[in-house]
Amino acid sequence: MKKYYKNEFNIFTINKMIKVGCCGFPVAHSRYYKVLEVIEVQSTFYDFVNPENLRKWREKAPGNFEFVLKAFQFITHPATSPTYKRARHLENLKLENLGNFQPTREVLKCYEILKDYATILKTKIVIFQSPPGFKPEKENIKNMKNFFNKIDRKDFIFGWESRGRWQPEEIEKICKELGLIHVVDPFLRAPTYGKIFYYRLHGGRGYKHQFMDEELEKLAEMVKNKTGYVMFNNITMFDDAQRFLKFLK
């Protein structure tokens, strides 16, 4: 029987139809807050963070500023992932029990910590990014279902960005069943599910691509009359995000 998640897409308290931001702070927080109204926090992907720092972020940000959280790699990525090189707090974790949405004590504890972070930041959206090695195999699908059915979702909206080779219909089925937004780079693929959209624009190999005006204009057409998020994740993300805002006017 399909679970119904009452807050799956209950996001229409947002003041604007489309929010534009960056994946990570590319400039000083004070400067960022003046021109953009949402950030996807990247530090929570790589490692545990000091909750006091998050409280300071929330206190110094404008009241209507939104923090999206990127979920711990400890939930989504196995310990063999090269991204673990940036993790500094692994001493109390059994590495074999991490990643791939395994519903282990360690993974579930990581989610509880992430939930605490989200409460501090008044987060609405949490993004889970699975690695290329996370393929549409029975065990991985079972892990995802067990994980999302066990955790306390609170009022969060969950997005899932798959880096693996999943077919669109496979992603759609999982997202529908588990109440997830399909997170994509719209220049690479279209989302298969979600009453709102969440776009992460990576800027190609090495994140080096700066988006041309023609591309930003095309992007504005893609999101016309829709509700969601456009999040830049390339080297020139701060400039590109501001330029894109002009195409929405």
C-alpha atoms as a PDB file:
ATOM      1  CA  MET A   1       0.000   0.000   0.000  1.00  0.00           C
ATOM      2  CA  LYS A   2       1.368   3.401  -0.976  1.00  0.00           C
ATOM      3  CA  LYS A   3       2.109   5.740   1.890  1.00  0.00           C
ATOM      4  CA  TYR A   4       0.683   9.222   1.606  1.00  0.00           C
ATOM      5  CA  TYR A   5       3.044  11.927   2.752  1.00  0.00           C
ATOM      6  CA  LYS A   6       0.942  14.906   3.738  1.00  0.00           C
ATOM      7  CA  ASN A   7       3.821  17.366   3.323  1.00  0.00           C
ATOM      8  CA  GLU A   8       5.184  15.861   0.142  1.00  0.00           C
ATOM      9  CA  PHE A   9       4.721  19.009  -1.900  1.00  0.00           C
ATOM     10  CA  ASN A  10       3.207  21.428   0.589  1.00  0.00           C
ATOM     11  CA  ILE A  11       5.488  24.280  -0.392  1.00  0.00           C
ATOM     12  CA  PHE A  12       3.138  26.978  -1.516  1.00  0.00           C
ATOM     13  CA  THR A  13       3.872  29.129   1.522  1.00  0.00           C
ATOM     14  CA  ILE A  14       6.859  30.364  -0.489  1.00  0.00           C
ATOM     15  CA  ASN A  15       6.394  34.019  -1.364  1.00  0.00           C
ATOM     16  CA  LYS A  16       7.630  33.663  -4.931  1.00  0.00           C
ATOM     17  CA  MET A  17       6.964  31.011  -7.525  1.00  0.00           C
ATOM     18  CA  ILE A  18      10.659  30.526  -8.256  1.00  0.00           C
ATOM     19  CA  LYS A  19      13.624  30.827  -5.918  1.00  0.00           C
ATOM     20  CA  VAL A  20      17.167  31.191  -7.233  1.00  0.00           C
ATOM     21  CA  GLY A  21      20.333  30.421  -5.315  1.00  0.00           C
ATOM     22  CA  CYS A  22      23.679  28.643  -5.173  1.00  0.00           C
ATOM     23  CA  CYS A  23      24.969  25.319  -3.913  1.00  0.00           C
ATOM     24  CA  GLY A  24      27.298  26.541  -1.206  1.00  0.00           C
ATOM     25  CA  PHE A  25      28.291  30.087  -0.281  1.00  0.00           C
ATOM     26  CA  PRO A  26      30.504  31.480  -3.080  1.00  0.00           C
ATOM     27  CA  VAL A  27      30.924  34.855  -1.328  1.00  0.00           C
ATOM     28  CA  ALA A  28      30.649  36.256   2.191  1.00  0.00           C
ATOM     29  CA  HIS A  29      27.304  35.472   3.788  1.00  0.00           C
ATOM     30  CA  SER A  30      26.417  39.131   4.282  1.00  0.00           C
ATOM     31  CA  ARG A  31      26.944  39.856   0.596  1.00  0.00           C
ATOM     32  CA  TYR A  32      25.014  36.769  -0.468  1.00  0.00           C
ATOM     33  CA  TYR A  33      21.992  37.607   1.699  1.00  0.00           C
ATOM     34  CA  LYS A  34      21.620  40.968  -0.042  1.00  0.00           C
ATOM     35  CA  VAL A  35      20.943  39.543  -3.500  1.00  0.00           C
ATOM     36  CA  LEU A  36      19.741  35.926  -3.189  1.00  0.00           C
ATOM     37  CA  GLU A  37      17.125  34.339  -0.955  1.00  0.00           C
ATOM     38  CA  VAL A  38      18.047  30.650  -0.782  1.00  0.00           C
ATOM     39  CA  ILE A  39      21.213  28.581  -0.310  1.00  0.00           C
ATOM     40  CA  GLU A  40      21.857  24.854  -0.537  1.00  0.00           C
ATOM     41  CA  VAL A  41      24.207  24.060   2.344  1.00  0.00           C
ATOM     42  CA  GLN A  42      27.040  21.825   1.106  1.00  0.00           C
ATOM     43  CA  SER A  43      29.058  21.391   4.301  1.00  0.00           C
ATOM     44  CA  THR A  44      26.411  19.038   5.703  1.00  0.00           C
ATOM     45  CA  PHE A  45      27.123  16.635   2.859  1.00  0.00           C
ATOM     46  CA  TYR A  46      30.794  16.192   3.666  1.00  0.00           C
ATOM     47  CA  ASP A  47      30.813  16.029   7.441  1.00  0.00           C
ATOM     48  CA  PHE A  48      29.165  16.884  10.739  1.00  0.00           C
ATOM     49  CA  VAL A  49      29.130  20.601  11.499  1.00  0.00           C
ATOM     50  CA  ASN A  50      28.988  22.717  14.632  1.00  0.00           C
ATOM     51  CA  PRO A  51      25.320  23.453  15.428  1.00  0.00           C
ATOM     52  CA  GLU A  52      26.344  26.803  16.910  1.00  0.00           C
ATOM     53  CA  ASN A  53      27.606  27.906  13.511  1.00  0.00           C
ATOM     54  CA  LEU A  54      24.241  27.020  12.004  1.00  0.00           C
ATOM     55  CA  ARG A  55      22.467  29.060  14.680  1.00  0.00           C
ATOM     56  CA  LYS A  56      24.627  32.053  13.812  1.00  0.00           C
ATOM     57  CA  TRP A  57      23.795  31.618  10.119  1.00  0.00           C
ATOM     58  CA  ARG A  58      20.084  31.579  10.892  1.00  0.00           C
ATOM     59  CA  GLU A  59      20.301  34.571  13.217  1.00  0.00           C
ATOM     60  CA  LYS A  60      22.249  36.700  10.732  1.00  0.00           C
ATOM     61  CA  ALA A  61      20.175  35.777   7.682  1.00  0.00           C
ATOM     62  CA  PRO A  62      17.019  37.704   6.752  1.00  0.00           C
ATOM     63  CA  GLY A  63      13.831  36.256   8.187  1.00  0.00           C
ATOM     64  CA  ASN A  64      12.580  35.051   4.811  1.00  0.00           C
ATOM     65  CA  PHE A  65      15.923  33.567   3.758  1.00  0.00           C
ATOM     66  CA  GLU A  66      15.798  29.825   3.106  1.00  0.00           C
ATOM     67  CA  PHE A  67      18.389  27.166   3.877  1.00  0.00           C
ATOM     68  CA  VAL A  68      18.163  23.917   1.914  1.00  0.00           C
ATOM     69  CA  LEU A  69      20.235  21.070   3.354  1.00  0.00           C
ATOM     70  CA  LYS A  70      22.219  18.550   1.359  1.00  0.00           C
ATOM     71  CA  ALA A  71      22.086  15.276   3.288  1.00  0.00           C
ATOM     72  CA  PHE A  72      25.195  13.625   4.721  1.00  0.00           C
ATOM     73  CA  GLN A  73      27.228  11.481   2.365  1.00  0.00           C
ATOM     74  CA  PHE A  74      27.217   9.008   5.272  1.00  0.00           C
ATOM     75  CA  ILE A  75      23.580   8.319   4.333  1.00  0.00           C
ATOM     76  CA  THR A  76      23.992   8.133   0.565  1.00  0.00           C
ATOM     77  CA  HIS A  77      27.614   7.271  -0.248  1.00  0.00           C
ATOM     78  CA  PRO A  78      29.642   4.214   0.823  1.00  0.00           C
ATOM     79  CA  ALA A  79      32.895   4.819   2.691  1.00  0.00           C
ATOM     80  CA  THR A  80      34.844   3.926  -0.459  1.00  0.00           C
ATOM     81  CA  SER A  81      33.677   7.170  -2.063  1.00  0.00           C
ATOM     82  CA  PRO A  82      36.506   9.688  -2.677  1.00  0.00           C
ATOM     83  CA  THR A  83      34.317  12.355  -1.088  1.00  0.00           C
ATOM     84  CA  TYR A  84      35.048  10.791   2.311  1.00  0.00           C
ATOM     85  CA  LYS A  85      38.490  12.376   2.147  1.00  0.00           C
ATOM     86  CA  ARG A  86      36.832  15.564   3.382  1.00  0.00           C
ATOM     87  CA  ALA A  87      35.224  13.862   6.384  1.00  0.00           C
ATOM     88  CA  ARG A  88      36.973  14.426   9.721  1.00  0.00           C
ATOM     89  CA  HIS A  89      34.595  12.830  12.227  1.00  0.00           C
ATOM     90  CA  LEU A  90      34.424   9.140  11.424  1.00  0.00           C
ATOM     91  CA  GLU A  91      35.901   7.721  14.628  1.00  0.00           C
ATOM     92  CA  ASN A  92      32.569   6.570  16.096  1.00  0.00           C
ATOM     93  CA  LEU A  93      31.105   5.192  12.880  1.00  0.00           C
ATOM     94  CA  LYS A  94      31.352   1.692  11.433  1.00  0.00           C
ATOM     95  CA  LEU A  95      32.307   2.483   7.861  1.00  0.00           C
ATOM     96  CA  GLU A  96      30.758  -0.668   6.418  1.00  0.00           C
ATOM     97  CA  ASN A  97      27.376   0.436   7.783  1.00  0.00           C
ATOM     98  CA  LEU A  98      27.402   3.789   5.999  1.00  0.00           C
ATOM     99  CA  GLY A  99      25.929   4.848   2.682  1.00  0.00           C
ATOM    100  CA  ASN A 100      23.527   3.447   0.090  1.00  0.00           C
ATOM    101  CA  PHE A 101      20.555   4.373   2.318  1.00  0.00           C
ATOM    102  CA  GLN A 102      21.252   1.325   4.494  1.00  0.00           C
ATOM    103  CA  PRO A 103      18.742   1.456   7.371  1.00  0.00           C
ATOM    104  CA  THR A 104      21.541   0.808   9.869  1.00  0.00           C
ATOM    105  CA  ARG A 105      21.866   2.364  13.303  1.00  0.00           C
ATOM    106  CA  GLU A 106      24.669   4.585  12.009  1.00  0.00           C
ATOM    107  CA  VAL A 107      22.742   5.865   8.991  1.00  0.00           C
ATOM    108  CA  LEU A 108      19.574   6.472  10.974  1.00  0.00           C
ATOM    109  CA  LYS A 109      21.585   8.338  13.627  1.00  0.00           C
ATOM    110  CA  CYS A 110      23.070  10.523  10.899  1.00  0.00           C
ATOM    111  CA  TYR A 111      19.568  11.382   9.756  1.00  0.00           C
ATOM    112  CA  GLU A 112      18.585  12.358  13.308  1.00  0.00           C
ATOM    113  CA  ILE A 113      21.564  14.724  13.447  1.00  0.00           C
ATOM    114  CA  LEU A 114      20.627  16.135  10.049  1.00  0.00           C
ATOM    115  CA  LYS A 115      17.085  16.650  11.299  1.00  0.00           C
ATOM    116  CA  ASP A 116      18.446  18.667  14.229  1.00  0.00           C
ATOM    117  CA  TYR A 117      20.413  20.844  11.805  1.00  0.00           C
ATOM    118  CA  ALA A 118      17.276  21.369   9.748  1.00  0.00           C
ATOM    119  CA  THR A 119      15.332  22.453  12.813  1.00  0.00           C
ATOM    120  CA  ILE A 120      17.986  25.039  13.666  1.00  0.00           C
ATOM    121  CA  LEU A 121      17.989  26.461  10.130  1.00  0.00           C
ATOM    122  CA  LYS A 122      14.197  26.183   9.708  1.00  0.00           C
ATOM    123  CA  THR A 123      14.819  24.071   6.634  1.00  0.00           C
ATOM    124  CA  LYS A 124      11.959  22.988   4.384  1.00  0.00           C
ATOM    125  CA  ILE A 125      13.848  20.958   1.792  1.00  0.00           C
ATOM    126  CA  VAL A 126      16.503  18.252   2.158  1.00  0.00           C
ATOM    127  CA  ILE A 127      18.383  16.950  -0.896  1.00  0.00           C
ATOM    128  CA  PHE A 128      19.733  13.404  -1.070  1.00  0.00           C
ATOM    129  CA  GLN A 129      22.328  12.812  -3.786  1.00  0.00           C
ATOM    130  CA  SER A 130      23.208   9.203  -4.565  1.00  0.00           C
ATOM    131  CA  PRO A 131      26.548   8.376  -6.257  1.00  0.00           C
ATOM    132  CA  PRO A 132      27.122   6.785  -9.691  1.00  0.00           C
ATOM    133  CA  GLY A 133      27.648   3.404  -8.044  1.00  0.00           C
ATOM    134  CA  PHE A 134      24.149   3.452  -6.557  1.00  0.00           C
ATOM    135  CA  LYS A 135      22.370   1.527  -9.296  1.00  0.00           C
ATOM    136  CA  PRO A 136      18.762   0.319  -9.634  1.00  0.00           C
ATOM    137  CA  GLU A 137      19.481  -3.010  -7.974  1.00  0.00           C
ATOM    138  CA  LYS A 138      17.079  -4.822  -5.659  1.00  0.00           C
ATOM    139  CA  GLU A 139      19.146  -4.241  -2.533  1.00  0.00           C
ATOM    140  CA  ASN A 140      19.514  -0.507  -3.209  1.00  0.00           C
ATOM    141  CA  ILE A 141      15.803  -0.089  -3.882  1.00  0.00           C
ATOM    142  CA  LYS A 142      14.983  -2.063  -0.740  1.00  0.00           C
ATOM    143  CA  ASN A 143      17.364   0.121   1.278  1.00  0.00           C
ATOM    144  CA  MET A 144      15.757   3.307  -0.025  1.00  0.00           C
ATOM    145  CA  LYS A 145      12.280   2.103   0.845  1.00  0.00           C
ATOM    146  CA  ASN A 146      13.299   0.962   4.312  1.00  0.00           C
ATOM    147  CA  PHE A 147      15.167   4.189   5.015  1.00  0.00           C
ATOM    148  CA  PHE A 148      12.452   6.619   3.934  1.00  0.00           C
ATOM    149  CA  ASN A 149       9.718   4.570   5.612  1.00  0.00           C
ATOM    150  CA  LYS A 150      11.603   4.398   8.927  1.00  0.00           C
ATOM    151  CA  ILE A 151      12.659   8.006   9.400  1.00  0.00           C
ATOM    152  CA  ASP A 152      10.628  10.823  10.888  1.00  0.00           C
ATOM    153  CA  ARG A 153      10.007  13.033   7.863  1.00  0.00           C
ATOM    154  CA  LYS A 154       8.487  15.843   9.939  1.00  0.00           C
ATOM    155  CA  ASP A 155       7.386  18.608   7.546  1.00  0.00           C
ATOM    156  CA  PHE A 156      10.365  18.229   5.223  1.00  0.00           C
ATOM    157  CA  ILE A 157      10.218  17.931   1.475  1.00  0.00           C
ATOM    158  CA  PHE A 158      12.792  15.467   0.184  1.00  0.00           C
ATOM    159  CA  GLY A 159      14.556  15.666  -3.161  1.00  0.00           C
ATOM    160  CA  TRP A 160      16.619  12.898  -4.745  1.00  0.00           C
ATOM    161  CA  GLU A 161      19.366  13.454  -7.299  1.00  0.00           C
ATOM    162  CA  SER A 162      20.565  10.182  -8.805  1.00  0.00           C
ATOM    163  CA  ARG A 163      24.032  10.121 -10.344  1.00  0.00           C
ATOM    164  CA  GLY A 164      23.656   6.455 -11.297  1.00  0.00           C
ATOM    165  CA  ARG A 165      22.253   4.895 -14.455  1.00  0.00           C
ATOM    166  CA  TRP A 166      18.582   4.750 -13.598  1.00  0.00           C
ATOM    167  CA  GLN A 167      15.932   4.730 -16.285  1.00  0.00           C
ATOM    168  CA  PRO A 168      13.388   7.574 -16.080  1.00  0.00           C
ATOM    169  CA  GLU A 169      10.545   5.157 -15.349  1.00  0.00           C
ATOM    170  CA  GLU A 170      12.533   3.601 -12.483  1.00  0.00           C
ATOM    171  CA  ILE A 171      13.158   7.002 -10.921  1.00  0.00           C
ATOM    172  CA  GLU A 172       9.538   8.015 -11.387  1.00  0.00           C
ATOM    173  CA  LYS A 173       8.310   4.867  -9.654  1.00  0.00           C
ATOM    174  CA  ILE A 174      10.594   5.359  -6.644  1.00  0.00           C
ATOM    175  CA  CYS A 175       9.798   9.063  -6.330  1.00  0.00           C
ATOM    176  CA  LYS A 176       6.056   8.452  -6.477  1.00  0.00           C
ATOM    177  CA  GLU A 177       6.175   5.676  -3.913  1.00  0.00           C
ATOM    178  CA  LEU A 178       8.437   7.507  -1.466  1.00  0.00           C
ATOM    179  CA  GLY A 179       7.200  11.050  -2.012  1.00  0.00           C
ATOM    180  CA  LEU A 180      10.427  12.473  -3.434  1.00  0.00           C
ATOM    181  CA  ILE A 181      11.139  15.302  -5.862  1.00  0.00           C
ATOM    182  CA  HIS A 182      13.294  14.165  -8.774  1.00  0.00           C
ATOM    183  CA  VAL A 183      16.247  16.589  -8.707  1.00  0.00           C
ATOM    184  CA  VAL A 184      17.963  17.188 -12.058  1.00  0.00           C
ATOM    185  CA  ASP A 185      20.151  19.436 -14.137  1.00  0.00           C
ATOM    186  CA  PRO A 186      17.510  20.476 -16.688  1.00  0.00           C
ATOM    187  CA  PHE A 187      20.099  20.853 -19.444  1.00  0.00           C
ATOM    188  CA  LEU A 188      20.869  17.139 -19.100  1.00  0.00           C
ATOM    189  CA  ARG A 189      17.495  15.535 -18.376  1.00  0.00           C
ATOM    190  CA  ALA A 190      13.918  16.329 -17.474  1.00  0.00           C
ATOM    191  CA  PRO A 191      12.498  15.533 -14.045  1.00  0.00           C
ATOM    192  CA  THR A 192      10.195  12.541 -13.944  1.00  0.00           C
ATOM    193  CA  TYR A 193       8.224  13.453 -10.838  1.00  0.00           C
ATOM    194  CA  GLY A 194       7.410  16.389  -8.601  1.00  0.00           C
ATOM    195  CA  LYS A 195       4.691  19.008  -8.411  1.00  0.00           C
ATOM    196  CA  ILE A 196       7.487  21.465  -7.830  1.00  0.00           C
ATOM    197  CA  PHE A 197      10.897  21.342  -9.493  1.00  0.00           C
ATOM    198  CA  TYR A 198      14.384  21.471  -8.015  1.00  0.00           C
ATOM    199  CA  TYR A 199      17.127  22.151 -10.555  1.00  0.00           C
ATOM    200  CA  ARG A 200      20.851  21.869  -9.786  1.00  0.00           C
ATOM    201  CA  LEU A 201      22.934  23.370 -12.601  1.00  0.00           C
ATOM    202  CA  HIS A 202      26.410  21.869 -12.488  1.00  0.00           C
ATOM    203  CA  GLY A 203      28.067  23.658 -15.389  1.00  0.00           C
ATOM    204  CA  GLY A 204      29.516  20.593 -17.095  1.00  0.00           C
ATOM    205  CA  ARG A 205      32.814  18.844 -16.417  1.00  0.00           C
ATOM    206  CA  GLY A 206      34.761  20.518 -13.631  1.00  0.00           C
ATOM    207  CA  TYR A 207      31.870  22.918 -12.992  1.00  0.00           C
ATOM    208  CA  LYS A 208      33.665  25.379 -15.281  1.00  0.00           C
ATOM    209  CA  HIS A 209      30.914  26.355 -17.697  1.00  0.00           C
ATOM    210  CA  GLN A 210      29.547  29.861 -17.400  1.00  0.00           C
ATOM    211  CA  PHE A 211      26.003  29.985 -18.686  1.00  0.00           C
ATOM    212  CA  MET A 212      25.390  32.090 -21.765  1.00  0.00           C
ATOM    213  CA  ASP A 213      22.503  34.539 -21.959  1.00  0.00           C
ATOM    214  CA  GLU A 214      20.824  32.246 -24.473  1.00  0.00           C
ATOM    215  CA  GLU A 215      20.964  29.361 -21.998  1.00  0.00           C
ATOM    216  CA  LEU A 216      19.575  31.451 -19.168  1.00  0.00           C
ATOM    217  CA  GLU A 217      16.786  32.655 -21.416  1.00  0.00           C
ATOM    218  CA  LYS A 218      15.990  29.037 -22.301  1.00  0.00           C
ATOM    219  CA  LEU A 219      16.029  28.154 -18.615  1.00  0.00           C
ATOM    220  CA  ALA A 220      13.581  30.956 -17.882  1.00  0.00           C
ATOM    221  CA  GLU A 221      11.232  29.449 -20.461  1.00  0.00           C
ATOM    222  CA  MET A 222      11.596  26.018 -18.834  1.00  0.00           C
ATOM    223  CA  VAL A 223      10.418  27.317 -15.464  1.00  0.00           C
ATOM    224  CA  LYS A 224       7.741  29.678 -16.736  1.00  0.00           C
ATOM    225  CA  ASN A 225       4.493  29.322 -14.771  1.00  0.00           C
ATOM    226  CA  LYS A 226       6.062  26.682 -12.504  1.00  0.00           C
ATOM    227  CA  THR A 227       6.989  26.593  -8.830  1.00  0.00           C
ATOM    228  CA  GLY A 228      10.404  25.523  -7.648  1.00  0.00           C
ATOM    229  CA  TYR A 229      14.095  26.173  -7.234  1.00  0.00           C
ATOM    230  CA  VAL A 230      16.966  26.963  -9.590  1.00  0.00           C
ATOM    231  CA  MET A 231      20.268  26.295  -7.840  1.00  0.00           C
ATOM    232  CA  PHE A 232      23.574  27.037  -9.566  1.00  0.00           C
ATOM    233  CA  ASN A 233      26.514  24.759  -8.761  1.00  0.00           C
ATOM    234  CA  ASN A 234      29.216  25.948 -11.165  1.00  0.00           C
ATOM    235  CA  ILE A 235      32.301  28.068 -10.548  1.00  0.00           C
ATOM    236  CA  THR A 236      30.534  31.261 -11.670  1.00  0.00           C
ATOM    237  CA  MET A 237      27.353  30.396  -9.783  1.00  0.00           C
ATOM    238  CA  PHE A 238      27.006  33.695  -7.919  1.00  0.00           C
ATOM    239  CA  ASP A 239      27.176  35.768 -11.098  1.00  0.00           C
ATOM    240  CA  ASP A 240      25.037  33.343 -13.085  1.00  0.00           C
ATOM    241  CA  ALA A 241      22.328  33.268 -10.413  1.00  0.00           C
ATOM    242  CA  GLN A 242      22.086  37.061 -10.397  1.00  0.00           C
ATOM    243  CA  ARG A 243      22.039  37.209 -14.182  1.00  0.00           C
ATOM    244  CA  PHE A 244      19.296  34.586 -14.290  1.00  0.00           C
ATOM    245  CA  LEU A 245      17.094  36.649 -11.978  1.00  0.00           C
ATOM    246  CA  LYS A 246      16.935  39.309 -14.687  1.00  0.00           C
ATOM    247  CA  PHE A 247      15.448  36.812 -17.130  1.00  0.00           C
ATOM    248  CA  LEU A 248      12.631  36.069 -14.697  1.00  0.00           C
ATOM    249  CA  LYS A 249      11.424  39.656 -14.586  1.00  0.00           C
END
